[in-house]
Amino acid sequence: MFRVALTGGIASGKSLASRHFESLGVPVIDADQVARELVEPGSPLLERIRERFGPEVFERSGRLDRARLRARVFSNPAERRALEAILHPAIHRRMQALAREAKGPYLVMVIPLLVESGQDWGEDRVLLIDAPERLQRERLMQRDHCSPAQADAILASQASREARRARADDIILNNGDPKALSDAVDRLHRQYLRMATETDPSRPQR
C-alpha cells in the first residue's frame, strides 16, 4: 500500500490533519496512540519503564503518569534517550504490523519523531505539518498546561524546523486556520490517490 508519513513538531496540527484524512476514508496509524496502547497496565513495556524510571512516574492506579515522566525526560537528555530506547523499537514493530493489515486507498502513518528516529518506515511520501515555533509554544502551553521553561525544553529536544522541512516531500503550513488546513489536506488527498493508483494500477481511482 502507498504510505504517507505525516510528521511535524509538537503542537503543529498533526492530529487535526490526520483526523481529516480519516474523514476522507484513509486509514491512519498514529505513533502516539500506538505508544499509549503499548504501555497499558500489565504490558511488558510498562514494566521495563518501571524498572528504569522507578515508581515515581506511575499513578496509584498503576498507570503511567505521563506528565511526570515527560517533565523528567525533557529536562534530562540521557533520561529521554533511555525512554526512547525502550519505546521506539516496539512502536516501530507494532506500526509496521498494523500497516501490513491496513486497507484503504492509501495509508497515513503519523510519526512525530520521523526525523529524529532514524528508522526506515517504508514511506513513499513525507508530509510535514509545519508551524512557526512561536505558535507551537503557545499551543503547547495552552494544551498541556506546561510552563514556558517546559515548553522550551520540549521544543529544543525535537529536530529543527529546517531539518523537518528538508525531509519533507509535501508541506502544509498551519498558521491556525482550520479551513485552510482542511483544504490543503483535500488537495493532497487527491494527489495521493493519483500516486497510489500509479503505484498500483489495479487500484481504482476515487
Protein backbone atom coordinates (compact mmCIF):
# COMPACT_ATOMS: atom_id res chain seq x y z
CA MET A 1 0.00 0.00 0.00
CA PHE A 2 1.15 3.53 -0.79
CA ARG A 3 2.33 5.07 2.50
CA VAL A 4 2.40 8.71 3.55
CA ALA A 5 4.41 9.52 6.68
CA LEU A 6 2.79 12.53 8.35
CA THR A 7 5.14 14.37 10.68
CA GLY A 8 5.65 17.70 12.37
CA GLY A 9 6.80 19.29 15.58
CA ILE A 10 4.74 19.13 18.74
CA ALA A 11 1.51 21.19 18.64
CA SER A 12 1.88 21.82 14.92
CA GLY A 13 -1.54 20.44 13.94
CA LYS A 14 -0.78 16.82 13.08
CA SER A 15 -3.87 15.47 14.87
CA LEU A 16 -6.20 17.88 13.07
CA ALA A 17 -4.71 16.91 9.72
CA SER A 18 -4.82 13.16 10.43
CA ARG A 19 -8.46 13.34 11.53
CA HIS A 20 -9.33 15.00 8.24
CA PHE A 21 -7.55 12.24 6.31
CA GLU A 22 -9.61 9.73 8.31
CA SER A 23 -12.81 11.56 7.42
CA LEU A 24 -11.86 11.05 3.76
CA GLY A 25 -11.72 7.28 4.26
CA VAL A 26 -7.95 6.98 4.62
CA PRO A 27 -6.65 4.57 7.29
CA VAL A 28 -4.43 6.32 9.84
CA ILE A 29 -1.91 4.74 12.20
CA ASP A 30 -0.74 7.16 14.88
CA ALA A 31 2.54 6.51 16.71
CA ASP A 32 1.32 8.33 19.82
CA GLN A 33 -1.79 6.16 20.00
CA VAL A 34 0.29 3.03 19.48
CA ALA A 35 2.63 4.15 22.27
CA ARG A 36 -0.31 4.58 24.65
CA GLU A 37 -1.59 1.10 23.84
CA LEU A 38 1.85 -0.44 24.37
CA VAL A 39 2.11 0.89 27.93
CA GLU A 40 -1.28 -0.23 29.20
CA PRO A 41 -1.11 -1.74 32.72
CA GLY A 42 0.32 -5.23 32.69
CA SER A 43 2.30 -4.78 29.48
CA PRO A 44 5.97 -5.87 29.38
CA LEU A 45 6.96 -2.44 28.10
CA LEU A 46 5.40 -0.75 31.11
CA GLU A 47 7.40 -2.97 33.44
CA ARG A 48 10.60 -2.00 31.65
CA ILE A 49 9.73 1.66 32.21
CA ARG A 50 9.09 0.97 35.89
CA GLU A 51 12.44 -0.81 36.22
CA ARG A 52 14.30 2.08 34.57
CA PHE A 53 12.48 5.11 35.98
CA GLY A 54 11.01 3.85 39.23
CA PRO A 55 7.52 4.03 40.79
CA GLU A 56 7.56 7.84 40.99
CA VAL A 57 6.46 8.12 37.35
CA PHE A 58 3.36 6.00 37.99
CA GLU A 59 -0.08 6.82 39.32
CA ARG A 60 -1.54 4.91 42.26
CA SER A 61 -3.74 3.04 39.80
CA GLY A 62 -0.64 1.57 38.19
CA ARG A 63 -0.95 3.66 35.06
CA LEU A 64 1.92 5.68 33.74
CA ASP A 65 1.94 9.30 34.92
CA ARG A 66 2.69 10.84 31.55
CA ALA A 67 3.01 14.40 32.78
CA ARG A 68 5.56 13.45 35.43
CA LEU A 69 7.53 11.24 33.07
CA ARG A 70 7.54 13.92 30.39
CA ALA A 71 8.80 16.56 32.83
CA ARG A 72 11.59 14.21 33.87
CA VAL A 73 12.81 13.16 30.44
CA PHE A 74 12.62 16.55 28.77
CA SER A 75 14.80 18.06 31.45
CA ASN A 76 17.45 15.36 31.04
CA PRO A 77 18.63 14.23 27.57
CA ALA A 78 20.09 10.97 28.93
CA GLU A 79 16.76 10.05 30.50
CA ARG A 80 14.96 10.91 27.27
CA ARG A 81 17.28 8.65 25.26
CA ALA A 82 16.72 5.83 27.75
CA LEU A 83 12.96 6.13 27.34
CA GLU A 84 13.24 6.27 23.56
CA ALA A 85 15.40 3.13 23.58
CA ILE A 86 12.58 1.31 25.34
CA LEU A 87 9.68 2.70 23.33
CA HIS A 88 10.82 3.36 19.78
CA PRO A 89 11.67 -0.18 18.60
CA ALA A 90 8.37 -1.52 19.95
CA ILE A 91 6.38 1.32 18.37
CA HIS A 92 8.11 0.72 15.04
CA ARG A 93 7.36 -3.03 15.10
CA ARG A 94 3.71 -2.50 16.01
CA MET A 95 3.16 0.18 13.38
CA GLN A 96 4.71 -1.98 10.67
CA ALA A 97 2.40 -4.85 11.65
CA LEU A 98 -0.65 -2.57 11.56
CA ALA A 99 0.46 -1.16 8.20
CA ARG A 100 0.54 -4.63 6.70
CA GLU A 101 -3.06 -5.18 7.80
CA ALA A 102 -4.40 -1.76 6.71
CA LYS A 103 -6.95 -1.48 3.92
CA GLY A 104 -7.89 1.68 2.05
CA PRO A 105 -6.92 3.93 -0.86
CA TYR A 106 -3.53 4.58 0.77
CA LEU A 107 -2.14 4.74 4.30
CA VAL A 108 -1.19 7.67 6.53
CA MET A 109 1.29 6.96 9.31
CA VAL A 110 1.55 9.75 11.89
CA ILE A 111 5.17 9.74 13.06
CA PRO A 112 6.02 12.84 15.13
CA LEU A 113 9.69 11.87 15.50
CA LEU A 114 10.25 10.74 11.92
CA VAL A 115 13.41 12.82 11.52
CA GLU A 116 14.74 12.03 14.99
CA SER A 117 14.11 8.27 14.91
CA GLY A 118 16.45 7.48 12.02
CA GLN A 119 14.32 4.41 11.29
CA ASP A 120 13.03 3.14 7.96
CA TRP A 121 9.25 3.43 8.00
CA GLY A 122 8.73 2.31 4.41
CA GLU A 123 7.09 5.58 3.45
CA ASP A 124 6.58 6.63 -0.15
CA ARG A 125 5.96 10.26 0.73
CA VAL A 126 6.63 12.54 3.70
CA LEU A 127 4.05 15.17 4.60
CA LEU A 128 5.11 17.85 7.06
CA ILE A 129 2.58 19.85 9.06
CA ASP A 130 4.66 22.95 9.65
CA ALA A 131 4.07 25.78 12.10
CA PRO A 132 6.11 28.71 13.40
CA GLU A 133 7.81 27.85 16.68
CA ARG A 134 6.10 30.77 18.39
CA LEU A 135 2.70 29.24 17.63
CA GLN A 136 3.85 25.77 18.68
CA ARG A 137 4.99 27.18 22.01
CA GLU A 138 1.69 28.99 22.61
CA ARG A 139 -0.41 25.95 21.67
CA LEU A 140 1.72 23.62 23.76
CA MET A 141 1.43 25.76 26.88
CA GLN A 142 -2.32 26.13 26.43
CA ARG A 143 -2.96 22.48 25.58
CA ASP A 144 -0.74 20.78 28.15
CA HIS A 145 -0.72 23.50 30.82
CA CYS A 146 3.06 23.42 30.95
CA SER A 147 5.38 26.22 31.96
CA PRO A 148 7.32 28.32 29.44
CA ALA A 149 10.51 26.53 30.50
CA GLN A 150 8.94 23.11 29.97
CA ALA A 151 7.61 24.14 26.56
CA ASP A 152 11.04 25.42 25.54
CA ALA A 153 12.71 22.18 26.70
CA ILE A 154 10.27 20.07 24.68
CA LEU A 155 10.76 22.17 21.55
CA ALA A 156 14.54 22.12 21.95
CA SER A 157 14.54 18.31 22.19
CA GLN A 158 12.99 17.91 18.75
CA ALA A 159 14.51 18.22 15.30
CA SER A 160 14.76 21.75 13.97
CA ARG A 161 12.12 23.15 11.69
CA GLU A 162 14.74 23.30 8.93
CA ALA A 163 15.59 19.60 9.33
CA ARG A 164 11.94 18.60 9.09
CA ARG A 165 11.40 20.77 6.01
CA ALA A 166 14.47 19.23 4.35
CA ARG A 167 13.00 15.74 4.84
CA ALA A 168 9.51 16.59 3.55
CA ASP A 169 8.08 15.97 0.11
CA ASP A 170 4.94 17.98 0.87
CA ILE A 171 4.45 20.79 3.39
CA ILE A 172 1.27 22.26 4.86
CA LEU A 173 1.85 25.49 6.74
CA ASN A 174 -0.57 25.57 9.66
CA ASN A 175 -0.96 29.12 10.93
CA GLY A 176 -4.09 28.29 12.88
CA ASP A 177 -6.84 28.44 10.24
CA PRO A 178 -8.66 25.04 10.36
CA LYS A 179 -10.35 25.66 6.99
CA ALA A 180 -7.03 26.34 5.28
CA LEU A 181 -5.59 23.18 6.81
CA SER A 182 -8.51 21.00 5.72
CA ASP A 183 -8.43 22.49 2.20
CA ALA A 184 -4.72 21.66 1.95
CA VAL A 185 -5.40 18.11 3.10
CA ASP A 186 -8.14 17.80 0.47
CA ARG A 187 -5.71 18.84 -2.27
CA LEU A 188 -3.06 16.40 -1.12
CA HIS A 189 -5.64 13.63 -0.78
CA ARG A 190 -6.44 13.94 -4.47
CA GLN A 191 -2.72 13.90 -5.25
CA TYR A 192 -2.08 10.83 -3.10
CA LEU A 193 -4.99 8.99 -4.70
CA ARG A 194 -3.39 9.55 -8.10
CA MET A 195 0.03 8.49 -6.84
CA ALA A 196 -1.39 5.37 -5.18
CA THR A 197 -3.09 4.40 -8.43
CA GLU A 198 0.15 4.90 -10.34
CA THR A 199 1.94 2.68 -7.83
CA ASP A 200 -0.76 0.01 -8.13
CA PRO A 201 -2.57 0.29 -11.49
CA SER A 202 -5.14 -2.31 -10.40
CA ARG A 203 -6.41 0.10 -7.72
CA PRO A 204 -9.39 2.16 -8.96
CA GLN A 205 -9.22 5.93 -8.54
CA ARG A 206 -11.80 7.52 -6.24
